[in-house]
């Protein structure tokens, strides 16, 4: 039975050390700032939370080959410390993917028709790559803008603006609005 709280599912996108480490080439500058907001959301959604993890493929193919030539440091196994979640997911499911976007059959099998509330990193990469395909599949999506961190503030703002263009498929909210039931 689901715990009381906001409607639907919370998807926490890639809250991993590789994005939280200030020395990482993939670091999101506001990562530490969004963590407490994400924790509040996780607590509110109870057992209706899915965590995702980006991991490198064993053998990159296609355009990913050039990508990993540029970001060679990321060619590490899924159990490498940089790919560990910064929070304990507890009993919540954890979905691993070698792609930026996490929407697909595996996530759909967990969350069904949603609705989804999405938080995490990076707004301008894995978050937007998850949100838009879910919305395109007809799942109502709400992005928690102050519980997402981008690669830069400008890139975060641009991604939020783009996702907002998909209204009413995608709604933009704050942590306080979600917790207040709006």
N, C-alpha and C. Protein backbone atom coordinates (compact mmCIF):
# COMPACT_ATOMS: atom_id res chain seq x y z
N UNK A 1 0.85 -1.19 0.00
CA UNK A 1 0.00 0.00 0.00
C UNK A 1 0.88 1.24 0.00
N UNK A 2 0.54 2.22 -0.81
CA UNK A 2 1.31 3.45 -0.90
C UNK A 2 1.10 4.32 0.32
N UNK A 3 2.17 4.98 0.72
CA UNK A 3 2.09 5.93 1.83
C UNK A 3 1.36 7.17 1.35
N UNK A 4 0.68 7.89 2.28
CA UNK A 4 0.04 9.13 1.86
C UNK A 4 1.08 10.12 1.35
N UNK A 5 0.68 11.02 0.52
CA UNK A 5 1.61 12.01 -0.01
C UNK A 5 1.16 12.45 -1.38
N UNK A 6 2.05 13.09 -2.12
CA UNK A 6 1.69 13.56 -3.46
C UNK A 6 1.28 12.40 -4.36
N UNK A 7 0.48 12.73 -5.37
CA UNK A 7 -0.02 11.73 -6.30
C UNK A 7 1.10 11.20 -7.20
N UNK A 8 1.01 9.93 -7.57
CA UNK A 8 1.91 9.35 -8.55
C UNK A 8 3.25 8.93 -7.97
N UNK A 9 4.25 9.00 -8.83
CA UNK A 9 5.60 8.51 -8.52
C UNK A 9 6.62 9.63 -8.59
N UNK A 10 7.62 9.54 -7.75
CA UNK A 10 8.79 10.41 -7.81
C UNK A 10 9.91 9.65 -8.50
N UNK A 11 10.50 10.25 -9.52
CA UNK A 11 11.67 9.68 -10.18
C UNK A 11 12.86 10.59 -9.85
N UNK A 12 13.84 10.04 -9.13
CA UNK A 12 15.05 10.78 -8.77
C UNK A 12 16.12 10.40 -9.78
N UNK A 13 16.45 11.33 -10.64
CA UNK A 13 17.37 11.07 -11.75
C UNK A 13 18.82 11.30 -11.33
N UNK A 14 19.58 10.23 -11.32
CA UNK A 14 21.05 10.24 -11.28
C UNK A 14 21.69 11.07 -10.16
N UNK A 15 21.22 10.90 -8.96
CA UNK A 15 21.81 11.59 -7.81
C UNK A 15 23.06 10.82 -7.38
N UNK A 16 24.11 10.96 -8.18
CA UNK A 16 25.32 10.15 -8.06
C UNK A 16 26.54 11.02 -7.77
N UNK A 17 27.57 10.36 -7.23
CA UNK A 17 28.81 11.06 -6.90
C UNK A 17 29.43 11.75 -8.11
N UNK A 18 29.36 11.15 -9.29
CA UNK A 18 29.98 11.73 -10.48
C UNK A 18 29.40 13.10 -10.81
N UNK A 19 28.16 13.36 -10.40
CA UNK A 19 27.54 14.66 -10.65
C UNK A 19 27.62 15.58 -9.43
N UNK A 20 27.87 15.01 -8.27
CA UNK A 20 27.94 15.80 -7.04
C UNK A 20 29.34 16.24 -6.67
N UNK A 21 30.35 15.57 -7.20
CA UNK A 21 31.74 15.90 -6.88
C UNK A 21 32.13 17.19 -7.61
N UNK A 22 32.53 18.19 -6.85
CA UNK A 22 32.86 19.49 -7.45
C UNK A 22 34.07 19.39 -8.38
N UNK A 23 34.90 18.37 -8.22
CA UNK A 23 36.06 18.21 -9.10
C UNK A 23 35.76 17.37 -10.33
N UNK A 24 34.56 16.85 -10.46
CA UNK A 24 34.19 16.02 -11.60
C UNK A 24 33.91 16.88 -12.83
N UNK A 25 34.32 16.38 -13.98
CA UNK A 25 34.01 17.06 -15.25
C UNK A 25 32.50 17.13 -15.47
N UNK A 26 31.76 16.29 -14.79
CA UNK A 26 30.30 16.26 -14.92
C UNK A 26 29.60 16.87 -13.70
N UNK A 27 30.33 17.55 -12.85
CA UNK A 27 29.74 18.11 -11.64
C UNK A 27 28.67 19.14 -11.92
N UNK A 28 27.59 19.07 -11.15
CA UNK A 28 26.51 20.05 -11.21
C UNK A 28 26.69 21.01 -10.03
N UNK A 29 27.00 22.28 -10.28
CA UNK A 29 27.34 23.21 -9.21
C UNK A 29 26.33 23.32 -8.07
N UNK A 30 25.05 23.14 -8.33
CA UNK A 30 24.03 23.28 -7.28
C UNK A 30 23.58 21.93 -6.71
N UNK A 31 24.35 20.90 -6.97
CA UNK A 31 24.02 19.55 -6.51
C UNK A 31 23.73 19.51 -5.01
N UNK A 32 24.64 20.04 -4.20
CA UNK A 32 24.47 20.00 -2.75
C UNK A 32 23.23 20.79 -2.31
N UNK A 33 22.91 21.84 -3.05
CA UNK A 33 21.76 22.68 -2.74
C UNK A 33 20.43 21.95 -2.96
N UNK A 34 20.37 21.08 -3.97
CA UNK A 34 19.11 20.40 -4.27
C UNK A 34 18.91 19.13 -3.45
N UNK A 35 19.97 18.58 -2.90
CA UNK A 35 19.84 17.32 -2.15
C UNK A 35 18.81 17.35 -1.02
N UNK A 36 18.79 18.38 -0.17
CA UNK A 36 17.78 18.38 0.90
C UNK A 36 16.35 18.45 0.35
N UNK A 37 16.16 19.15 -0.76
CA UNK A 37 14.82 19.22 -1.37
C UNK A 37 14.41 17.85 -1.90
N UNK A 38 15.35 17.16 -2.52
CA UNK A 38 15.06 15.81 -3.01
C UNK A 38 14.73 14.89 -1.85
N UNK A 39 15.45 15.01 -0.75
CA UNK A 39 15.18 14.19 0.43
C UNK A 39 13.76 14.44 0.93
N UNK A 40 13.32 15.70 0.96
CA UNK A 40 11.96 16.02 1.39
C UNK A 40 10.93 15.37 0.47
N UNK A 41 11.20 15.41 -0.83
CA UNK A 41 10.30 14.79 -1.79
C UNK A 41 10.26 13.27 -1.61
N UNK A 42 11.42 12.66 -1.45
CA UNK A 42 11.48 11.20 -1.24
C UNK A 42 10.65 10.82 -0.02
N UNK A 43 10.82 11.55 1.06
CA UNK A 43 10.05 11.26 2.28
C UNK A 43 8.55 11.39 2.03
N UNK A 44 8.16 12.40 1.26
CA UNK A 44 6.73 12.64 1.01
C UNK A 44 6.11 11.58 0.11
N UNK A 45 6.87 11.05 -0.85
CA UNK A 45 6.32 10.07 -1.78
C UNK A 45 6.32 8.65 -1.21
N UNK A 46 6.95 8.44 -0.06
CA UNK A 46 6.89 7.14 0.59
C UNK A 46 7.47 6.03 -0.26
N UNK A 47 6.66 5.01 -0.54
CA UNK A 47 7.17 3.86 -1.30
C UNK A 47 7.02 4.03 -2.80
N UNK A 48 6.61 5.22 -3.26
CA UNK A 48 6.43 5.47 -4.69
C UNK A 48 7.57 6.31 -5.24
N UNK A 49 8.80 5.78 -5.07
CA UNK A 49 10.01 6.46 -5.50
C UNK A 49 10.85 5.49 -6.33
N UNK A 50 11.37 5.98 -7.44
CA UNK A 50 12.32 5.22 -8.26
C UNK A 50 13.58 6.08 -8.38
N UNK A 51 14.72 5.47 -8.13
CA UNK A 51 16.02 6.13 -8.31
C UNK A 51 16.61 5.63 -9.63
N UNK A 52 17.33 6.50 -10.34
CA UNK A 52 18.02 6.05 -11.54
C UNK A 52 19.51 6.30 -11.38
N UNK A 53 20.27 5.52 -12.15
CA UNK A 53 21.73 5.67 -12.16
C UNK A 53 22.22 5.59 -13.61
N UNK A 54 23.01 6.58 -13.99
CA UNK A 54 23.70 6.52 -15.27
C UNK A 54 24.97 5.71 -15.06
N UNK A 55 25.24 4.77 -15.96
CA UNK A 55 26.47 3.99 -15.93
C UNK A 55 27.02 3.89 -17.35
N UNK A 56 28.32 3.71 -17.46
CA UNK A 56 28.94 3.57 -18.77
C UNK A 56 28.68 2.18 -19.33
N UNK A 57 28.53 2.08 -20.64
CA UNK A 57 28.37 0.76 -21.25
C UNK A 57 29.71 0.02 -21.25
N UNK A 58 29.64 -1.31 -21.34
CA UNK A 58 30.87 -2.09 -21.46
C UNK A 58 31.65 -1.69 -22.69
N UNK A 59 30.93 -1.58 -23.81
CA UNK A 59 31.55 -1.20 -25.08
C UNK A 59 30.68 -0.13 -25.76
N UNK A 60 31.12 1.11 -25.72
CA UNK A 60 30.35 2.15 -26.40
C UNK A 60 30.24 1.86 -27.89
N UNK A 61 29.11 2.21 -28.47
CA UNK A 61 28.88 2.02 -29.90
C UNK A 61 28.31 3.30 -30.49
N UNK A 62 28.43 3.43 -31.78
CA UNK A 62 27.89 4.58 -32.47
C UNK A 62 28.49 5.88 -31.95
N UNK A 63 27.65 6.90 -31.79
CA UNK A 63 28.12 8.21 -31.34
C UNK A 63 28.69 8.15 -29.92
N UNK A 64 28.30 7.14 -29.14
CA UNK A 64 28.83 7.00 -27.79
C UNK A 64 30.33 6.74 -27.80
N UNK A 65 30.88 6.19 -28.88
CA UNK A 65 32.32 5.95 -28.96
C UNK A 65 33.07 7.27 -28.84
N UNK A 66 32.70 8.27 -29.63
CA UNK A 66 33.35 9.58 -29.56
C UNK A 66 33.09 10.25 -28.22
N UNK A 67 31.89 10.04 -27.68
CA UNK A 67 31.56 10.63 -26.39
C UNK A 67 32.53 10.14 -25.31
N UNK A 68 32.74 8.84 -25.25
CA UNK A 68 33.63 8.29 -24.22
C UNK A 68 35.11 8.51 -24.54
N UNK A 69 35.44 8.85 -25.77
CA UNK A 69 36.81 9.30 -26.05
C UNK A 69 37.02 10.66 -25.40
N UNK A 70 35.99 11.50 -25.43
CA UNK A 70 36.07 12.82 -24.80
C UNK A 70 36.02 12.73 -23.28
N UNK A 71 35.22 11.80 -22.75
CA UNK A 71 35.05 11.66 -21.30
C UNK A 71 35.56 10.30 -20.84
N UNK A 72 36.83 10.04 -21.12
CA UNK A 72 37.45 8.75 -20.84
C UNK A 72 37.38 8.38 -19.35
N UNK A 73 37.42 9.38 -18.46
CA UNK A 73 37.37 9.10 -17.02
C UNK A 73 36.12 8.31 -16.63
N UNK A 74 35.07 8.42 -17.43
CA UNK A 74 33.79 7.78 -17.11
C UNK A 74 33.73 6.32 -17.51
N UNK A 75 34.72 5.84 -18.25
CA UNK A 75 34.75 4.44 -18.67
C UNK A 75 35.13 3.58 -17.48
N UNK A 76 34.19 3.40 -16.59
CA UNK A 76 34.38 2.61 -15.38
C UNK A 76 33.20 1.67 -15.22
N UNK A 77 33.38 0.59 -14.48
CA UNK A 77 32.28 -0.36 -14.30
C UNK A 77 31.15 0.24 -13.46
N UNK A 78 29.95 -0.32 -13.58
CA UNK A 78 28.79 0.22 -12.85
C UNK A 78 28.99 0.30 -11.33
N UNK A 79 29.85 -0.55 -10.77
CA UNK A 79 30.05 -0.53 -9.32
C UNK A 79 31.17 0.42 -8.89
N UNK A 80 31.70 1.21 -9.82
CA UNK A 80 32.73 2.20 -9.48
C UNK A 80 32.14 3.24 -8.53
N UNK A 81 32.94 3.74 -7.59
CA UNK A 81 32.44 4.73 -6.62
C UNK A 81 31.81 5.97 -7.27
N UNK A 82 32.32 6.41 -8.41
CA UNK A 82 31.75 7.62 -9.01
C UNK A 82 30.31 7.40 -9.46
N UNK A 83 29.90 6.16 -9.71
CA UNK A 83 28.53 5.88 -10.13
C UNK A 83 27.60 5.54 -8.97
N UNK A 84 28.11 5.53 -7.76
CA UNK A 84 27.27 5.23 -6.59
C UNK A 84 26.30 6.38 -6.34
N UNK A 85 25.11 6.03 -5.86
CA UNK A 85 24.15 7.06 -5.44
C UNK A 85 24.68 7.73 -4.19
N UNK A 86 24.39 9.01 -4.01
CA UNK A 86 24.82 9.73 -2.82
C UNK A 86 23.86 9.53 -1.65
N UNK A 87 22.70 8.99 -1.93
CA UNK A 87 21.70 8.68 -0.90
C UNK A 87 21.42 7.19 -0.93
N UNK A 88 21.06 6.64 0.20
CA UNK A 88 20.66 5.24 0.27
C UNK A 88 19.24 5.13 -0.26
N UNK A 89 19.02 4.37 -1.33
CA UNK A 89 17.67 4.25 -1.87
C UNK A 89 16.76 3.37 -1.03
N UNK A 90 17.31 2.73 0.00
CA UNK A 90 16.50 1.86 0.84
C UNK A 90 15.89 0.75 0.02
N UNK A 91 14.58 0.57 0.13
CA UNK A 91 13.90 -0.50 -0.59
C UNK A 91 13.32 -0.04 -1.93
N UNK A 92 13.54 1.23 -2.26
CA UNK A 92 13.04 1.74 -3.54
C UNK A 92 13.80 1.09 -4.70
N UNK A 93 13.12 0.89 -5.83
CA UNK A 93 13.83 0.35 -7.00
C UNK A 93 14.88 1.33 -7.52
N UNK A 94 15.96 0.78 -8.07
CA UNK A 94 17.02 1.56 -8.71
C UNK A 94 17.15 1.06 -10.14
N UNK A 95 16.96 1.96 -11.07
CA UNK A 95 17.04 1.63 -12.49
C UNK A 95 18.36 2.14 -13.04
N UNK A 96 19.17 1.24 -13.60
CA UNK A 96 20.44 1.62 -14.22
C UNK A 96 20.25 1.72 -15.73
N UNK A 97 20.92 2.70 -16.35
CA UNK A 97 20.85 2.83 -17.80
C UNK A 97 22.15 3.42 -18.32
N UNK A 98 22.53 3.01 -19.52
CA UNK A 98 23.71 3.55 -20.18
C UNK A 98 23.36 4.72 -21.08
N UNK A 99 22.14 5.21 -20.95
CA UNK A 99 21.67 6.34 -21.74
C UNK A 99 21.32 7.51 -20.82
N UNK A 100 21.31 8.71 -21.38
CA UNK A 100 20.92 9.88 -20.60
C UNK A 100 19.48 9.76 -20.14
N UNK A 101 18.59 9.46 -21.06
CA UNK A 101 17.18 9.32 -20.73
C UNK A 101 16.91 8.01 -20.04
N UNK A 102 16.05 8.05 -19.04
CA UNK A 102 15.72 6.84 -18.28
C UNK A 102 14.32 6.34 -18.59
N UNK A 103 13.53 7.10 -19.38
CA UNK A 103 12.19 6.63 -19.73
C UNK A 103 12.32 5.52 -20.75
N UNK A 104 11.63 4.43 -20.49
CA UNK A 104 11.61 3.29 -21.39
C UNK A 104 10.78 2.19 -20.75
N UNK A 105 10.80 0.99 -21.32
CA UNK A 105 9.96 -0.10 -20.81
C UNK A 105 10.20 -0.43 -19.34
N UNK A 106 11.45 -0.36 -18.89
CA UNK A 106 11.74 -0.71 -17.49
C UNK A 106 11.09 0.26 -16.51
N UNK A 107 11.25 1.56 -16.78
CA UNK A 107 10.65 2.56 -15.89
C UNK A 107 9.13 2.54 -16.02
N UNK A 108 8.63 2.39 -17.23
CA UNK A 108 7.18 2.33 -17.45
C UNK A 108 6.57 1.15 -16.69
N UNK A 109 7.29 0.04 -16.62
CA UNK A 109 6.77 -1.14 -15.91
C UNK A 109 6.61 -0.87 -14.42
N UNK A 110 7.42 0.02 -13.89
CA UNK A 110 7.35 0.35 -12.46
C UNK A 110 6.26 1.39 -12.20
N UNK A 111 6.23 2.46 -12.99
CA UNK A 111 5.37 3.61 -12.69
C UNK A 111 4.04 3.60 -13.44
N UNK A 112 3.88 2.72 -14.40
CA UNK A 112 2.63 2.66 -15.15
C UNK A 112 2.34 3.96 -15.87
N UNK A 113 1.11 4.44 -15.71
CA UNK A 113 0.68 5.67 -16.38
C UNK A 113 1.01 6.92 -15.58
N UNK A 114 1.76 6.76 -14.47
CA UNK A 114 2.15 7.92 -13.67
C UNK A 114 0.99 8.42 -12.83
N UNK A 115 0.93 9.71 -12.59
CA UNK A 115 1.82 10.75 -13.07
C UNK A 115 3.21 10.66 -12.43
N UNK A 116 4.17 11.34 -13.08
CA UNK A 116 5.54 11.37 -12.59
C UNK A 116 5.88 12.76 -12.08
N UNK A 117 6.63 12.77 -11.00
CA UNK A 117 7.29 13.98 -10.53
C UNK A 117 8.77 13.68 -10.65
N UNK A 118 9.52 14.58 -11.29
CA UNK A 118 10.92 14.31 -11.59
C UNK A 118 11.81 15.36 -10.93
N UNK A 119 12.88 14.86 -10.29
CA UNK A 119 13.91 15.69 -9.68
C UNK A 119 15.25 15.04 -9.96
N UNK A 120 16.34 15.79 -9.86
CA UNK A 120 17.66 15.19 -10.03
C UNK A 120 18.59 16.03 -10.88
N UNK A 121 19.56 15.33 -11.49
CA UNK A 121 20.62 15.98 -12.26
C UNK A 121 20.89 15.21 -13.55
N UNK A 122 21.45 15.83 -14.45
CA UNK A 122 21.53 17.25 -14.68
C UNK A 122 20.30 17.66 -15.48
N UNK A 123 19.74 18.79 -15.10
CA UNK A 123 18.51 19.28 -15.72
C UNK A 123 18.63 19.29 -17.23
N UNK A 124 19.78 19.75 -17.72
CA UNK A 124 20.00 19.94 -19.14
C UNK A 124 20.52 18.69 -19.84
N UNK A 125 20.52 17.56 -19.17
CA UNK A 125 20.97 16.32 -19.80
C UNK A 125 20.01 15.18 -19.44
N UNK A 126 20.28 14.50 -18.35
CA UNK A 126 19.51 13.30 -18.02
C UNK A 126 18.07 13.60 -17.61
N UNK A 127 17.82 14.74 -16.97
CA UNK A 127 16.45 15.08 -16.58
C UNK A 127 15.60 15.34 -17.82
N UNK A 128 16.03 16.26 -18.68
CA UNK A 128 15.24 16.57 -19.87
C UNK A 128 15.12 15.35 -20.79
N UNK A 129 16.16 14.52 -20.83
CA UNK A 129 16.13 13.32 -21.67
C UNK A 129 15.21 12.24 -21.13
N UNK A 130 14.84 12.35 -19.87
CA UNK A 130 13.87 11.44 -19.26
C UNK A 130 12.46 12.01 -19.38
N UNK A 131 12.33 13.30 -19.11
CA UNK A 131 11.02 13.95 -19.08
C UNK A 131 10.32 13.95 -20.44
N UNK A 132 11.03 14.36 -21.48
CA UNK A 132 10.36 14.53 -22.78
C UNK A 132 9.86 13.21 -23.37
N UNK A 133 10.62 12.12 -23.33
CA UNK A 133 10.05 10.86 -23.83
C UNK A 133 8.88 10.34 -23.00
N UNK A 134 8.91 10.56 -21.68
CA UNK A 134 7.78 10.15 -20.84
C UNK A 134 6.54 10.94 -21.22
N UNK A 135 6.69 12.25 -21.38
CA UNK A 135 5.56 13.09 -21.79
C UNK A 135 5.07 12.68 -23.17
N UNK A 136 5.99 12.40 -24.07
CA UNK A 136 5.62 11.99 -25.43
C UNK A 136 4.86 10.67 -25.42
N UNK A 137 5.10 9.84 -24.40
CA UNK A 137 4.38 8.57 -24.25
C UNK A 137 3.01 8.78 -23.61
N UNK A 138 2.69 10.03 -23.25
CA UNK A 138 1.38 10.33 -22.69
C UNK A 138 1.32 10.31 -21.17
N UNK A 139 2.46 10.21 -20.52
CA UNK A 139 2.51 10.21 -19.06
C UNK A 139 2.57 11.66 -18.58
N UNK A 140 1.68 12.07 -17.67
CA UNK A 140 1.78 13.42 -17.12
C UNK A 140 3.06 13.54 -16.29
N UNK A 141 3.83 14.60 -16.54
CA UNK A 141 5.11 14.79 -15.87
C UNK A 141 5.15 16.17 -15.23
N UNK A 142 5.65 16.19 -14.00
CA UNK A 142 5.89 17.45 -13.29
C UNK A 142 7.37 17.49 -12.95
N UNK A 143 8.05 18.55 -13.34
CA UNK A 143 9.47 18.74 -13.06
C UNK A 143 9.59 19.69 -11.88
N UNK A 144 10.35 19.30 -10.88
CA UNK A 144 10.55 20.14 -9.69
C UNK A 144 11.82 20.95 -9.91
N UNK A 145 11.63 22.17 -10.39
CA UNK A 145 12.76 22.98 -10.85
C UNK A 145 13.79 23.26 -9.77
N UNK A 146 13.37 23.44 -8.52
CA UNK A 146 14.34 23.74 -7.47
C UNK A 146 14.89 22.47 -6.81
N UNK A 147 14.52 21.31 -7.35
CA UNK A 147 15.08 20.03 -6.91
C UNK A 147 15.82 19.36 -8.06
N UNK A 148 16.22 20.19 -9.03
CA UNK A 148 17.05 19.76 -10.15
C UNK A 148 18.26 20.69 -10.21
N UNK A 149 19.39 20.15 -10.64
CA UNK A 149 20.59 20.95 -10.81
C UNK A 149 21.13 20.72 -12.21
N UNK A 150 21.51 21.81 -12.85
CA UNK A 150 22.05 21.72 -14.20
C UNK A 150 23.56 21.80 -14.21
N UNK A 151 24.13 21.63 -15.39
CA UNK A 151 25.58 21.74 -15.52
C UNK A 151 26.05 23.17 -15.28
N UNK A 152 25.16 24.14 -15.53
CA UNK A 152 25.34 25.54 -15.16
C UNK A 152 23.95 26.09 -14.85
N UNK A 153 23.89 27.24 -14.21
CA UNK A 153 22.59 27.86 -13.93
C UNK A 153 21.87 28.21 -15.23
N UNK A 154 22.60 28.75 -16.21
CA UNK A 154 21.98 29.11 -17.49
C UNK A 154 21.43 27.88 -18.20
N UNK A 155 22.18 26.78 -18.18
CA UNK A 155 21.72 25.56 -18.85
C UNK A 155 20.51 24.96 -18.11
N UNK A 156 20.51 25.04 -16.79
CA UNK A 156 19.36 24.59 -16.00
C UNK A 156 18.12 25.40 -16.40
N UNK A 157 18.26 26.73 -16.41
CA UNK A 157 17.13 27.60 -16.75
C UNK A 157 16.63 27.32 -18.16
N UNK A 158 17.55 27.12 -19.11
CA UNK A 158 17.15 26.84 -20.49
C UNK A 158 16.38 25.52 -20.58
N UNK A 159 16.86 24.49 -19.89
CA UNK A 159 16.18 23.19 -19.93
C UNK A 159 14.79 23.28 -19.30
N UNK A 160 14.67 23.98 -18.19
CA UNK A 160 13.36 24.16 -17.55
C UNK A 160 12.42 24.90 -18.50
N UNK A 161 12.94 25.93 -19.15
CA UNK A 161 12.13 26.70 -20.10
C UNK A 161 11.65 25.80 -21.25
N UNK A 162 12.55 24.98 -21.78
CA UNK A 162 12.18 24.08 -22.88
C UNK A 162 11.13 23.07 -22.41
N UNK A 163 11.34 22.45 -21.26
CA UNK A 163 10.36 21.48 -20.77
C UNK A 163 9.01 22.15 -20.53
N UNK A 164 9.02 23.40 -20.07
CA UNK A 164 7.78 24.13 -19.85
C UNK A 164 7.00 24.37 -21.13
N UNK A 165 7.67 24.37 -22.27
CA UNK A 165 6.99 24.54 -23.55
C UNK A 165 6.09 23.36 -23.89
N UNK A 166 6.26 22.25 -23.19
CA UNK A 166 5.47 21.04 -23.44
C UNK A 166 4.18 20.98 -22.62
N UNK A 167 3.86 22.06 -21.93
CA UNK A 167 2.61 22.11 -21.17
C UNK A 167 1.44 21.87 -22.11
N UNK A 168 0.43 21.19 -21.71
CA UNK A 168 0.16 20.66 -20.38
C UNK A 168 0.73 19.26 -20.13
N UNK A 169 1.49 18.72 -21.10
CA UNK A 169 2.10 17.40 -20.87
C UNK A 169 3.12 17.45 -19.74
N UNK A 170 3.84 18.57 -19.65
CA UNK A 170 4.86 18.77 -18.62
C UNK A 170 4.51 20.02 -17.83
N UNK A 171 4.48 19.88 -16.52
CA UNK A 171 4.26 21.02 -15.62
C UNK A 171 5.56 21.30 -14.87
N UNK A 172 5.78 22.53 -14.53
CA UNK A 172 6.95 22.93 -13.76
C UNK A 172 6.46 23.39 -12.40
N UNK A 173 7.11 22.92 -11.33
CA UNK A 173 6.70 23.25 -9.97
C UNK A 173 7.93 23.42 -9.08
N UNK A 174 7.69 23.89 -7.87
CA UNK A 174 8.74 23.94 -6.85
C UNK A 174 8.49 22.82 -5.84
N UNK A 175 9.49 22.56 -5.03
CA UNK A 175 9.36 21.56 -3.98
C UNK A 175 8.19 21.90 -3.07
N UNK A 176 8.11 23.15 -2.64
CA UNK A 176 7.02 23.55 -1.74
C UNK A 176 5.65 23.36 -2.39
N UNK A 177 5.53 23.66 -3.67
CA UNK A 177 4.25 23.47 -4.37
C UNK A 177 3.88 21.98 -4.40
N UNK A 178 4.83 21.11 -4.68
CA UNK A 178 4.55 19.67 -4.70
C UNK A 178 4.13 19.21 -3.33
N UNK A 179 4.84 19.63 -2.31
CA UNK A 179 4.53 19.18 -0.94
C UNK A 179 3.22 19.76 -0.43
N UNK A 180 2.80 20.88 -0.98
CA UNK A 180 1.52 21.49 -0.59
C UNK A 180 0.35 20.90 -1.40
N UNK A 181 0.67 19.98 -2.32
CA UNK A 181 -0.39 19.33 -3.10
C UNK A 181 -0.85 20.13 -4.28
N UNK A 182 -0.04 21.09 -4.73
CA UNK A 182 -0.41 21.90 -5.91
C UNK A 182 0.25 21.37 -7.15
